[in-house]
Amino acid sequence: MNVLLTGATGFLGSHLARALLVAGHQVTILKRSTSDCSRLADIASELAACDADAAAPLSAFSRHGPFDAVIHAATAYGRKGESDAALVEANVLFPLRLLHACCEQGTRLFVNTDTFSRASLALGATHLAGYHLTKKQFAEWGALTAARHGLTFANMRLEHVYGPGDQPDKFIPYVIRHCLQDGARLALTSGEQKRDFVYVDDVVEAYLLVLRHKDALPMGYLDYQVGTGKATTVRELVETIHSLTRSTAKLQFGALAQRSGELMCSQADTRMLQALGWQGRVSLAEGLALTLQQTAKN
């Protein structure tokens, strides 16, 4: 297939780009002209690229299309001080223009990357509220557009994804970094929150499976929850990392208060993915060990 991919320079996107090429797909990435492409250095020659800030999304279709599918993995979290307007532009308006280009150009499958954590909006959480709100809004636009124009909008609602190459400020890399420091002190909440930690390779396989079933998928909005289907406490996760690294770091559970509106349990319902033939293959212990192996190489 000929696939247009956004977010390819990021953690998940770079894994997707690599896997799409291995599967034999043609891949065009839509990025910013200022993007750090270091994650793609070894495969850059195999990718076509367009700069989204230099031309309208439609230009990618005219230069490298027609596309069989668009995978949208780009996002702005709001961790870098982005304004509300910037979050709306990155997480709603940009993908909406891309979605409308699909409608105009006859691309019948749009695969969107969503997040489990937007459920915290209903609890009144303020942490990353702008990010969560914009992700919710675009999913709603996706459902409306799919119904109006007869395309398939596959919404991949990801649980807590982890693996090699993740951003250093994300939770699991942060814990690993501290556990590798002799005598470090790691201040944590009580760790009672439960999350569905899913290894990045299993997530990528879910996207590839949706592509493989493209012609059989119904038109409209499809919501795929992507996780292991098992909830693990944050405390158990941290203690597993501590054990695997043979760390001397002191784990200070309870030193930090829970955030207001904290989502205390998230766990994927994977039945829709399983109906396509998907199953998670990497256990938490295995995934953390693989992540640590890559960390050691770097």
Protein backbone atom coordinates (compact mmCIF):
# COMPACT_ATOMS: atom_id res chain seq x y z
CA MET A 1 0.00 0.00 0.00
CA ASN A 2 0.94 3.64 -0.36
CA VAL A 3 0.69 5.16 3.14
CA LEU A 4 0.94 8.74 4.39
CA LEU A 5 2.26 8.93 7.97
CA THR A 6 2.37 11.88 10.35
CA GLY A 7 4.42 11.90 13.55
CA ALA A 8 7.13 9.69 12.03
CA THR A 9 9.91 11.56 13.84
CA GLY A 10 8.42 10.72 17.25
CA PHE A 11 8.56 7.60 19.41
CA LEU A 12 5.57 5.65 18.10
CA GLY A 13 5.77 7.13 14.61
CA SER A 14 9.37 6.06 14.06
CA HIS A 15 8.50 2.49 15.05
CA LEU A 16 5.53 2.63 12.67
CA ALA A 17 7.64 3.98 9.79
CA ARG A 18 10.18 1.19 10.19
CA ALA A 19 7.52 -1.54 10.43
CA LEU A 20 5.60 -0.22 7.42
CA LEU A 21 8.74 -0.41 5.29
CA VAL A 22 9.52 -3.94 6.50
CA ALA A 23 5.97 -4.94 5.55
CA GLY A 24 6.59 -3.70 2.01
CA HIS A 25 4.52 -0.50 2.05
CA GLN A 26 5.48 2.76 0.36
CA VAL A 27 5.72 5.44 3.04
CA THR A 28 5.50 9.23 2.78
CA ILE A 29 6.02 11.14 6.00
CA LEU A 30 4.44 14.51 6.69
CA LYS A 31 6.59 16.48 9.14
CA ARG A 32 7.70 19.97 10.11
CA SER A 33 10.73 21.43 8.36
CA THR A 34 12.30 21.87 11.81
CA SER A 35 11.66 18.28 12.98
CA ASP A 36 14.47 16.27 14.53
CA CYS A 37 14.72 13.27 12.19
CA SER A 38 17.47 11.45 14.10
CA ARG A 39 15.17 8.50 14.89
CA LEU A 40 14.81 7.92 11.14
CA ALA A 41 18.45 8.33 10.14
CA ASP A 42 18.91 4.69 9.11
CA ILE A 43 15.78 4.56 6.93
CA ALA A 44 15.58 8.16 5.63
CA SER A 45 16.55 7.15 2.11
CA GLU A 46 13.60 4.75 1.94
CA LEU A 47 11.02 7.39 2.87
CA ALA A 48 9.42 10.16 0.84
CA ALA A 49 8.98 13.34 2.89
CA CYS A 50 6.86 16.50 2.80
CA ASP A 51 7.08 19.48 5.14
CA ALA A 52 3.62 20.28 6.48
CA ASP A 53 4.61 23.83 7.44
CA ALA A 54 5.83 24.58 3.91
CA ALA A 55 2.70 23.54 2.01
CA ALA A 56 -0.91 22.48 2.53
CA PRO A 57 -1.54 18.80 3.36
CA LEU A 58 -3.13 18.40 -0.06
CA SER A 59 0.29 18.89 -1.69
CA ALA A 60 1.46 15.56 -0.23
CA PHE A 61 -1.44 13.90 -2.04
CA SER A 62 -0.61 15.56 -5.36
CA ARG A 63 3.14 14.84 -5.11
CA HIS A 64 3.12 11.33 -3.64
CA GLY A 65 -0.46 10.06 -3.82
CA PRO A 66 -2.89 8.55 -4.30
CA PHE A 67 -2.71 7.08 -0.79
CA ASP A 68 -4.43 3.91 0.28
CA ALA A 69 -4.39 5.02 3.92
CA VAL A 70 -3.34 7.85 6.18
CA ILE A 71 -1.93 7.10 9.64
CA HIS A 72 -2.00 10.11 11.93
CA ALA A 73 0.44 9.71 14.84
CA ALA A 74 1.56 13.32 15.34
CA THR A 75 0.49 15.12 18.50
CA ALA A 76 1.23 18.06 20.78
CA TYR A 77 0.97 17.36 24.50
CA GLY A 78 1.26 20.86 25.90
CA ARG A 79 4.35 19.97 27.94
CA LYS A 80 6.45 22.61 26.16
CA GLY A 81 4.29 25.57 27.09
CA GLU A 82 2.16 25.50 23.94
CA SER A 83 -0.82 27.85 23.98
CA ASP A 84 -4.37 26.52 23.82
CA ALA A 85 -4.55 27.84 20.25
CA ALA A 86 -1.39 25.93 19.32
CA LEU A 87 -2.85 22.71 20.76
CA VAL A 88 -6.05 23.20 18.77
CA GLU A 89 -4.02 23.83 15.61
CA ALA A 90 -1.82 20.75 16.08
CA ASN A 91 -4.38 18.29 17.42
CA VAL A 92 -7.62 19.38 15.74
CA LEU A 93 -7.20 21.70 12.76
CA PHE A 94 -4.14 20.10 11.16
CA PRO A 95 -5.52 16.52 11.22
CA LEU A 96 -8.97 17.82 10.21
CA ARG A 97 -7.45 19.38 7.08
CA LEU A 98 -5.70 16.08 6.43
CA LEU A 99 -8.96 14.17 6.92
CA HIS A 100 -10.77 16.47 4.48
CA ALA A 101 -7.95 15.93 1.96
CA CYS A 102 -8.65 12.18 2.27
CA CYS A 103 -12.30 12.82 1.44
CA GLU A 104 -11.37 14.95 -1.59
CA GLN A 105 -8.71 12.56 -2.89
CA GLY A 106 -10.55 9.27 -2.35
CA THR A 107 -8.43 7.86 0.50
CA ARG A 108 -10.90 5.61 2.30
CA LEU A 109 -8.98 4.77 5.51
CA PHE A 110 -7.84 7.28 8.13
CA VAL A 111 -6.12 5.73 11.16
CA ASN A 112 -6.09 8.11 14.12
CA THR A 113 -3.95 7.90 17.25
CA ASP A 114 -5.97 8.60 20.40
CA THR A 115 -5.25 8.18 24.10
CA PHE A 116 -6.83 6.37 27.06
CA SER A 117 -5.93 9.29 29.33
CA ARG A 118 -8.56 11.64 27.90
CA ALA A 119 -11.02 9.74 30.11
CA SER A 120 -9.62 11.89 32.94
CA LEU A 121 -11.55 14.87 31.52
CA ALA A 122 -14.75 13.44 33.00
CA LEU A 123 -13.05 13.38 36.42
CA GLY A 124 -12.21 17.07 36.31
CA ALA A 125 -8.46 16.52 35.91
CA THR A 126 -6.47 19.59 34.92
CA HIS A 127 -3.17 17.87 34.05
CA LEU A 128 -2.70 18.09 30.24
CA ALA A 129 -6.37 19.07 30.00
CA GLY A 130 -5.86 20.97 26.73
CA TYR A 131 -4.23 17.92 25.14
CA HIS A 132 -7.01 15.60 26.31
CA LEU A 133 -9.74 17.98 25.17
CA THR A 134 -8.29 18.37 21.69
CA LYS A 135 -7.84 14.61 21.27
CA LYS A 136 -11.50 14.13 22.23
CA GLN A 137 -12.62 16.87 19.85
CA PHE A 138 -10.77 15.46 16.86
CA ALA A 139 -12.12 11.97 17.47
CA GLU A 140 -15.60 13.49 17.40
CA TRP A 141 -14.82 15.30 14.15
CA GLY A 142 -13.54 12.01 12.78
CA ALA A 143 -16.83 10.27 13.58
CA LEU A 144 -18.83 13.09 11.97
CA THR A 145 -16.66 13.23 8.85
CA ALA A 146 -16.66 9.46 8.40
CA ALA A 147 -20.46 9.40 8.56
CA ARG A 148 -20.77 12.28 6.10
CA HIS A 149 -18.28 11.08 3.52
CA GLY A 150 -18.37 7.31 3.79
CA LEU A 151 -14.81 6.61 4.82
CA THR A 152 -13.40 4.48 7.63
CA PHE A 153 -12.04 6.37 10.63
CA ALA A 154 -10.13 3.83 12.75
CA ASN A 155 -9.54 5.41 16.14
CA MET A 156 -6.63 3.69 17.92
CA ARG A 157 -7.16 4.49 21.60
CA LEU A 158 -3.77 3.68 23.05
CA GLU A 159 -3.09 2.68 26.62
CA HIS A 160 0.30 3.44 28.22
CA VAL A 161 2.77 2.66 25.42
CA TYR A 162 6.44 2.08 26.27
CA GLY A 163 9.59 0.74 24.67
CA PRO A 164 13.01 1.70 23.28
CA GLY A 165 13.43 5.23 21.98
CA ASP A 166 10.74 6.93 24.07
CA GLN A 167 11.02 10.54 25.19
CA PRO A 168 13.27 10.82 28.30
CA ASP A 169 10.67 12.88 30.18
CA LYS A 170 7.99 10.17 29.91
CA PHE A 171 7.27 8.16 33.07
CA ILE A 172 8.98 4.82 32.34
CA PRO A 173 12.21 6.36 30.93
CA TYR A 174 12.21 8.72 33.92
CA VAL A 175 11.97 5.82 36.38
CA ILE A 176 14.65 3.84 34.51
CA ARG A 177 17.02 6.80 34.52
CA HIS A 178 16.69 7.26 38.29
CA CYS A 179 17.00 3.54 38.99
CA LEU A 180 20.29 3.50 37.10
CA GLN A 181 21.72 6.24 39.32
CA ASP A 182 23.50 4.87 42.39
CA GLY A 183 21.86 6.03 45.60
CA ALA A 184 19.19 8.11 43.86
CA ARG A 185 15.94 9.00 45.61
CA LEU A 186 12.78 8.67 43.55
CA ALA A 187 9.78 10.55 44.90
CA LEU A 188 6.52 8.91 43.87
CA THR A 189 2.83 8.85 44.64
CA SER A 190 1.46 5.84 46.50
CA GLY A 191 1.49 4.03 43.15
CA GLU A 192 -2.03 2.68 43.54
CA GLN A 193 -3.05 3.86 40.07
CA LYS A 194 -3.50 1.03 37.60
CA ARG A 195 -2.43 1.31 33.98
CA ASP A 196 -2.41 -1.00 30.99
CA PHE A 197 1.27 -0.94 29.96
CA VAL A 198 1.65 -2.12 26.36
CA TYR A 199 4.91 -2.66 24.49
CA VAL A 200 5.39 -0.56 21.35
CA ASP A 201 5.84 -3.54 19.00
CA ASP A 202 2.42 -4.89 19.98
CA VAL A 203 0.91 -1.45 19.32
CA VAL A 204 2.56 -1.26 15.89
CA GLU A 205 1.19 -4.70 15.03
CA ALA A 206 -2.33 -3.43 15.80
CA TYR A 207 -1.90 -0.63 13.24
CA LEU A 208 -0.52 -3.02 10.62
CA LEU A 209 -3.43 -5.38 11.22
CA VAL A 210 -5.95 -2.59 10.59
CA LEU A 211 -4.15 -1.86 7.32
CA ARG A 212 -4.24 -5.51 6.30
CA HIS A 213 -8.02 -5.57 6.89
CA LYS A 214 -8.60 -2.24 5.11
CA ASP A 215 -10.91 -3.55 2.42
CA ALA A 216 -13.04 -5.52 4.89
CA LEU A 217 -13.52 -2.75 7.45
CA PRO A 218 -16.95 -1.11 7.56
CA MET A 219 -17.33 2.57 6.80
CA GLY A 220 -17.75 4.91 9.73
CA TYR A 221 -16.10 5.35 13.11
CA LEU A 222 -14.33 2.34 14.62
CA ASP A 223 -12.86 2.58 18.13
CA TYR A 224 -10.00 0.16 18.82
CA GLN A 225 -8.67 0.02 22.37
CA VAL A 226 -4.99 -0.91 22.19
CA GLY A 227 -3.50 -2.46 25.30
CA THR A 228 -2.80 -5.79 26.93
CA GLY A 229 -6.19 -5.98 28.60
CA LYS A 230 -4.44 -6.18 31.98
CA ALA A 231 -4.12 -3.39 34.54
CA THR A 232 -0.93 -3.17 36.61
CA THR A 233 -0.33 -0.81 39.51
CA VAL A 234 2.26 1.89 39.03
CA ARG A 235 3.91 0.60 42.20
CA GLU A 236 4.33 -2.88 40.69
CA LEU A 237 5.75 -1.35 37.50
CA VAL A 238 8.31 0.74 39.41
CA GLU A 239 9.31 -2.17 41.63
CA THR A 240 9.80 -4.36 38.54
CA ILE A 241 12.12 -1.79 36.98
CA HIS A 242 13.94 -1.44 40.30
CA SER A 243 14.47 -5.20 40.43
CA LEU A 244 15.52 -5.60 36.80
CA THR A 245 18.12 -2.85 37.13
CA ARG A 246 19.33 -4.15 40.51
CA SER A 247 18.99 -0.58 41.60
CA THR A 248 20.16 0.97 44.86
CA ALA A 249 17.78 3.89 44.38
CA LYS A 250 15.41 4.58 47.26
CA LEU A 251 11.78 4.39 46.18
CA GLN A 252 9.77 6.95 48.13
CA PHE A 253 6.17 5.85 47.60
CA GLY A 254 3.72 8.35 49.05
CA ALA A 255 6.15 11.28 48.88
CA LEU A 256 3.99 12.91 46.21
CA ALA A 257 0.25 13.54 46.41
CA GLN A 258 -2.08 12.15 43.77
CA ARG A 259 -3.13 14.68 41.15
CA SER A 260 -6.66 16.00 41.43
CA GLY A 261 -8.97 13.99 39.17
CA GLU A 262 -6.42 11.18 38.74
CA LEU A 263 -7.67 8.29 36.63
CA MET A 264 -7.17 5.39 39.04
CA CYS A 265 -7.65 2.47 36.66
CA SER A 266 -7.39 2.09 32.90
CA GLN A 267 -7.55 -1.22 31.09
CA ALA A 268 -8.16 -1.88 27.40
CA ASP A 269 -11.08 -3.88 26.08
CA THR A 270 -9.28 -5.58 23.19
CA ARG A 271 -12.20 -7.57 21.79
CA MET A 272 -12.43 -5.53 18.58
CA LEU A 273 -8.73 -6.02 17.87
CA GLN A 274 -8.91 -9.69 18.76
CA ALA A 275 -11.70 -10.06 16.20
CA LEU A 276 -9.13 -9.00 13.59
CA GLY A 277 -6.68 -11.61 14.89
CA TRP A 278 -4.56 -9.41 17.16
CA GLN A 279 -3.10 -10.44 20.48
CA GLY A 280 -0.44 -8.88 22.65
CA ARG A 281 2.73 -10.97 22.62
CA VAL A 282 5.14 -9.10 24.90
CA SER A 283 4.67 -9.33 28.67
CA LEU A 284 5.49 -6.38 30.91
CA ALA A 285 8.64 -8.04 32.26
CA GLU A 286 9.80 -8.93 28.74
CA GLY A 287 9.06 -5.46 27.40
CA LEU A 288 10.89 -3.74 30.22
CA ALA A 289 13.89 -6.06 29.74
CA LEU A 290 13.98 -5.20 26.02
CA THR A 291 13.73 -1.50 26.83
CA LEU A 292 16.59 -1.77 29.33
CA GLN A 293 18.74 -3.64 26.79
CA GLN A 294 18.37 -0.78 24.34
CA THR A 295 19.02 1.77 27.10
CA ALA A 296 22.27 -0.01 27.96
CA LYS A 297 23.38 0.13 24.29
CA ASN A 298 22.83 3.87 24.23
